[in-house]
Amino acid sequence: MPFGDPFSEGSALNGHLRQMVDDLVKLGIALREAQAEIERLYIERILFSCDGNRSKAARKLGMHRNTLNTKMEQYHLNGDPRS
């Protein structure tokens, strides 16, 4: 990675992730629930950054467009960057 590993011990991102995980554990959130919510938010943000273009978003996410469509249905996402 050209700017170093963003997840390395002591990095700001690593610290934020650790705090988030600690908070989720304290709230009693199951791993499966946390993974689903993070995936939903990540897909939502990528779709927004791609102006709702599903093909472009799928490429950025590293998944097939059909997989993205299935996940969008699962998470009730419409891909409209205005919503």
N, C-alpha and C. Protein backbone atom coordinates (compact mmCIF):
# COMPACT_ATOMS: atom_id res chain seq x y z
N MET A 1 0.84 -1.18 0.00
CA MET A 1 0.00 0.00 0.00
C MET A 1 0.89 1.25 0.00
N PRO A 2 0.57 2.19 -0.87
CA PRO A 2 1.45 3.34 -1.01
C PRO A 2 1.56 4.23 0.23
N PHE A 3 0.55 4.26 1.06
CA PHE A 3 0.56 5.12 2.24
C PHE A 3 0.60 4.33 3.54
N GLY A 4 0.99 3.08 3.45
CA GLY A 4 1.04 2.24 4.64
C GLY A 4 -0.28 1.53 4.87
N ASP A 5 -0.25 0.61 5.79
CA ASP A 5 -1.43 -0.20 6.11
C ASP A 5 -2.37 0.60 7.02
N PRO A 6 -3.57 0.96 6.52
CA PRO A 6 -4.49 1.75 7.36
C PRO A 6 -5.00 0.98 8.57
N PHE A 7 -4.83 -0.35 8.58
CA PHE A 7 -5.31 -1.16 9.69
C PHE A 7 -4.20 -1.54 10.66
N SER A 8 -2.98 -1.05 10.43
CA SER A 8 -1.86 -1.43 11.29
C SER A 8 -2.10 -0.97 12.72
N GLU A 9 -1.52 -1.69 13.64
CA GLU A 9 -1.64 -1.37 15.06
C GLU A 9 -1.21 0.08 15.29
N GLY A 10 -2.01 0.83 15.99
CA GLY A 10 -1.68 2.21 16.29
C GLY A 10 -2.20 3.22 15.28
N SER A 11 -2.73 2.76 14.14
CA SER A 11 -3.28 3.71 13.17
C SER A 11 -4.62 4.25 13.66
N ALA A 12 -4.98 5.41 13.16
CA ALA A 12 -6.25 6.02 13.57
C ALA A 12 -7.43 5.12 13.20
N LEU A 13 -7.39 4.55 12.00
CA LEU A 13 -8.50 3.69 11.56
C LEU A 13 -8.62 2.47 12.46
N ASN A 14 -7.48 1.89 12.79
CA ASN A 14 -7.49 0.72 13.68
C ASN A 14 -8.10 1.09 15.02
N GLY A 15 -7.75 2.26 15.54
CA GLY A 15 -8.30 2.70 16.82
C GLY A 15 -9.80 2.91 16.75
N HIS A 16 -10.27 3.50 15.64
CA HIS A 16 -11.72 3.72 15.47
C HIS A 16 -12.46 2.38 15.39
N LEU A 17 -11.88 1.43 14.65
CA LEU A 17 -12.52 0.12 14.52
C LEU A 17 -12.58 -0.59 15.87
N ARG A 18 -11.49 -0.53 16.60
CA ARG A 18 -11.47 -1.17 17.92
C ARG A 18 -12.53 -0.55 18.84
N GLN A 19 -12.67 0.76 18.81
CA GLN A 19 -13.68 1.42 19.65
C GLN A 19 -15.09 1.01 19.22
N MET A 20 -15.30 0.96 17.90
CA MET A 20 -16.61 0.56 17.40
C MET A 20 -16.95 -0.87 17.83
N VAL A 21 -15.98 -1.76 17.71
CA VAL A 21 -16.21 -3.15 18.12
C VAL A 21 -16.49 -3.22 19.62
N ASP A 22 -15.72 -2.48 20.40
CA ASP A 22 -15.98 -2.45 21.85
C ASP A 22 -17.41 -1.99 22.15
N ASP A 23 -17.86 -0.95 21.44
CA ASP A 23 -19.22 -0.43 21.64
C ASP A 23 -20.27 -1.47 21.26
N LEU A 24 -20.04 -2.15 20.15
CA LEU A 24 -20.99 -3.17 19.70
C LEU A 24 -21.08 -4.31 20.71
N VAL A 25 -19.94 -4.72 21.23
CA VAL A 25 -19.91 -5.80 22.22
C VAL A 25 -20.67 -5.37 23.49
N LYS A 26 -20.43 -4.14 23.94
CA LYS A 26 -21.11 -3.64 25.14
C LYS A 26 -22.63 -3.59 24.94
N LEU A 27 -23.05 -3.31 23.71
CA LEU A 27 -24.48 -3.23 23.42
C LEU A 27 -25.10 -4.61 23.20
N GLY A 28 -24.26 -5.64 23.12
CA GLY A 28 -24.76 -6.99 22.93
C GLY A 28 -25.16 -7.29 21.49
N ILE A 29 -24.58 -6.55 20.55
CA ILE A 29 -24.89 -6.76 19.14
C ILE A 29 -24.16 -8.01 18.65
N ALA A 30 -24.88 -8.91 18.02
CA ALA A 30 -24.29 -10.14 17.51
C ALA A 30 -23.40 -9.84 16.30
N LEU A 31 -22.38 -10.64 16.11
CA LEU A 31 -21.45 -10.45 15.00
C LEU A 31 -22.18 -10.40 13.66
N ARG A 32 -23.12 -11.29 13.46
CA ARG A 32 -23.87 -11.34 12.20
C ARG A 32 -24.62 -10.03 11.94
N GLU A 33 -25.22 -9.48 12.98
CA GLU A 33 -25.94 -8.20 12.86
C GLU A 33 -24.97 -7.07 12.52
N ALA A 34 -23.83 -7.04 13.19
CA ALA A 34 -22.83 -6.00 12.95
C ALA A 34 -22.30 -6.09 11.53
N GLN A 35 -22.01 -7.29 11.07
CA GLN A 35 -21.51 -7.48 9.71
C GLN A 35 -22.53 -7.01 8.68
N ALA A 36 -23.79 -7.36 8.90
CA ALA A 36 -24.83 -6.97 7.96
C ALA A 36 -24.98 -5.45 7.89
N GLU A 37 -24.95 -4.79 9.04
CA GLU A 37 -25.11 -3.34 9.06
C GLU A 37 -23.92 -2.64 8.42
N ILE A 38 -22.72 -3.13 8.69
CA ILE A 38 -21.52 -2.55 8.06
C ILE A 38 -21.56 -2.76 6.55
N GLU A 39 -21.95 -3.95 6.11
CA GLU A 39 -22.05 -4.23 4.68
C GLU A 39 -23.08 -3.31 4.02
N ARG A 40 -24.24 -3.15 4.67
CA ARG A 40 -25.28 -2.29 4.13
C ARG A 40 -24.79 -0.85 3.98
N LEU A 41 -24.16 -0.34 5.03
CA LEU A 41 -23.65 1.03 4.98
C LEU A 41 -22.56 1.19 3.93
N TYR A 42 -21.68 0.21 3.82
CA TYR A 42 -20.59 0.27 2.85
C TYR A 42 -21.15 0.29 1.42
N ILE A 43 -22.10 -0.59 1.15
CA ILE A 43 -22.73 -0.62 -0.18
C ILE A 43 -23.43 0.69 -0.46
N GLU A 44 -24.15 1.21 0.53
CA GLU A 44 -24.86 2.48 0.38
C GLU A 44 -23.89 3.61 0.02
N ARG A 45 -22.75 3.68 0.71
CA ARG A 45 -21.77 4.75 0.46
C ARG A 45 -21.13 4.61 -0.91
N ILE A 46 -20.81 3.39 -1.30
CA ILE A 46 -20.21 3.17 -2.62
C ILE A 46 -21.20 3.53 -3.71
N LEU A 47 -22.45 3.12 -3.57
CA LEU A 47 -23.48 3.48 -4.55
C LEU A 47 -23.59 5.00 -4.67
N PHE A 48 -23.58 5.68 -3.54
CA PHE A 48 -23.66 7.14 -3.55
C PHE A 48 -22.46 7.74 -4.28
N SER A 49 -21.26 7.21 -4.01
CA SER A 49 -20.05 7.74 -4.66
C SER A 49 -20.03 7.46 -6.16
N CYS A 50 -20.81 6.47 -6.58
CA CYS A 50 -20.90 6.13 -8.01
C CYS A 50 -22.17 6.69 -8.64
N ASP A 51 -22.82 7.62 -7.97
CA ASP A 51 -24.06 8.24 -8.46
C ASP A 51 -25.12 7.21 -8.83
N GLY A 52 -25.16 6.10 -8.07
CA GLY A 52 -26.17 5.08 -8.29
C GLY A 52 -25.86 4.11 -9.42
N ASN A 53 -24.71 4.26 -10.07
CA ASN A 53 -24.33 3.37 -11.17
C ASN A 53 -23.93 2.02 -10.59
N ARG A 54 -24.78 1.03 -10.77
CA ARG A 54 -24.58 -0.28 -10.15
C ARG A 54 -23.38 -1.03 -10.70
N SER A 55 -23.12 -0.91 -11.99
CA SER A 55 -21.97 -1.60 -12.58
C SER A 55 -20.67 -1.05 -12.00
N LYS A 56 -20.59 0.26 -11.93
CA LYS A 56 -19.39 0.90 -11.37
C LYS A 56 -19.24 0.56 -9.89
N ALA A 57 -20.35 0.59 -9.15
CA ALA A 57 -20.33 0.26 -7.73
C ALA A 57 -19.89 -1.18 -7.51
N ALA A 58 -20.41 -2.09 -8.31
CA ALA A 58 -20.04 -3.51 -8.18
C ALA A 58 -18.54 -3.69 -8.40
N ARG A 59 -17.99 -3.00 -9.39
CA ARG A 59 -16.54 -3.08 -9.63
C ARG A 59 -15.76 -2.58 -8.43
N LYS A 60 -16.18 -1.44 -7.88
CA LYS A 60 -15.49 -0.88 -6.70
C LYS A 60 -15.60 -1.81 -5.50
N LEU A 61 -16.73 -2.50 -5.37
CA LEU A 61 -16.95 -3.41 -4.26
C LEU A 61 -16.28 -4.77 -4.47
N GLY A 62 -15.85 -5.03 -5.71
CA GLY A 62 -15.20 -6.31 -6.01
C GLY A 62 -16.18 -7.47 -6.06
N MET A 63 -17.39 -7.17 -6.56
CA MET A 63 -18.39 -8.23 -6.67
C MET A 63 -19.11 -8.12 -8.02
N HIS A 64 -19.77 -9.18 -8.40
CA HIS A 64 -20.54 -9.20 -9.63
C HIS A 64 -21.77 -8.30 -9.46
N ARG A 65 -22.21 -7.70 -10.54
CA ARG A 65 -23.38 -6.81 -10.50
C ARG A 65 -24.62 -7.55 -9.99
N ASN A 66 -24.78 -8.80 -10.36
CA ASN A 66 -25.94 -9.56 -9.88
C ASN A 66 -25.89 -9.74 -8.36
N THR A 67 -24.69 -9.94 -7.83
CA THR A 67 -24.53 -10.06 -6.38
C THR A 67 -24.91 -8.74 -5.71
N LEU A 68 -24.47 -7.63 -6.30
CA LEU A 68 -24.83 -6.32 -5.75
C LEU A 68 -26.34 -6.14 -5.77
N ASN A 69 -26.98 -6.49 -6.87
CA ASN A 69 -28.44 -6.36 -6.96
C ASN A 69 -29.13 -7.18 -5.88
N THR A 70 -28.64 -8.39 -5.64
CA THR A 70 -29.22 -9.25 -4.60
C THR A 70 -29.07 -8.61 -3.22
N LYS A 71 -27.88 -8.07 -2.95
CA LYS A 71 -27.63 -7.43 -1.66
C LYS A 71 -28.46 -6.15 -1.52
N MET A 72 -28.65 -5.43 -2.60
CA MET A 72 -29.48 -4.23 -2.56
C MET A 72 -30.92 -4.60 -2.20
N GLU A 73 -31.42 -5.68 -2.77
CA GLU A 73 -32.76 -6.15 -2.42
C GLU A 73 -32.81 -6.57 -0.95
N GLN A 74 -31.79 -7.31 -0.51
CA GLN A 74 -31.71 -7.79 0.86
C GLN A 74 -31.75 -6.63 1.86
N TYR A 75 -31.03 -5.54 1.54
CA TYR A 75 -30.93 -4.41 2.45
C TYR A 75 -31.91 -3.27 2.11
N HIS A 76 -32.78 -3.52 1.16
CA HIS A 76 -33.79 -2.53 0.75
C HIS A 76 -33.15 -1.21 0.31
N LEU A 77 -32.12 -1.31 -0.52
CA LEU A 77 -31.45 -0.14 -1.07
C LEU A 77 -31.94 0.07 -2.49
N ASN A 78 -32.20 1.31 -2.86
CA ASN A 78 -32.67 1.54 -4.22
C ASN A 78 -31.59 2.09 -5.14
N GLY A 79 -30.45 2.48 -4.59
CA GLY A 79 -29.34 2.97 -5.40
C GLY A 79 -29.46 4.41 -5.85
N ASP A 80 -30.54 5.07 -5.46
CA ASP A 80 -30.74 6.46 -5.84
C ASP A 80 -29.92 7.35 -4.91
N PRO A 81 -28.91 8.07 -5.45
CA PRO A 81 -28.05 8.89 -4.58
C PRO A 81 -28.79 10.04 -3.90
N ARG A 82 -29.99 10.36 -4.35
CA ARG A 82 -30.76 11.46 -3.74
C ARG A 82 -31.56 11.03 -2.52
N SER A 83 -31.68 9.70 -2.34
CA SER A 83 -32.52 9.23 -1.20
C SER A 83 -31.69 8.84 -0.01
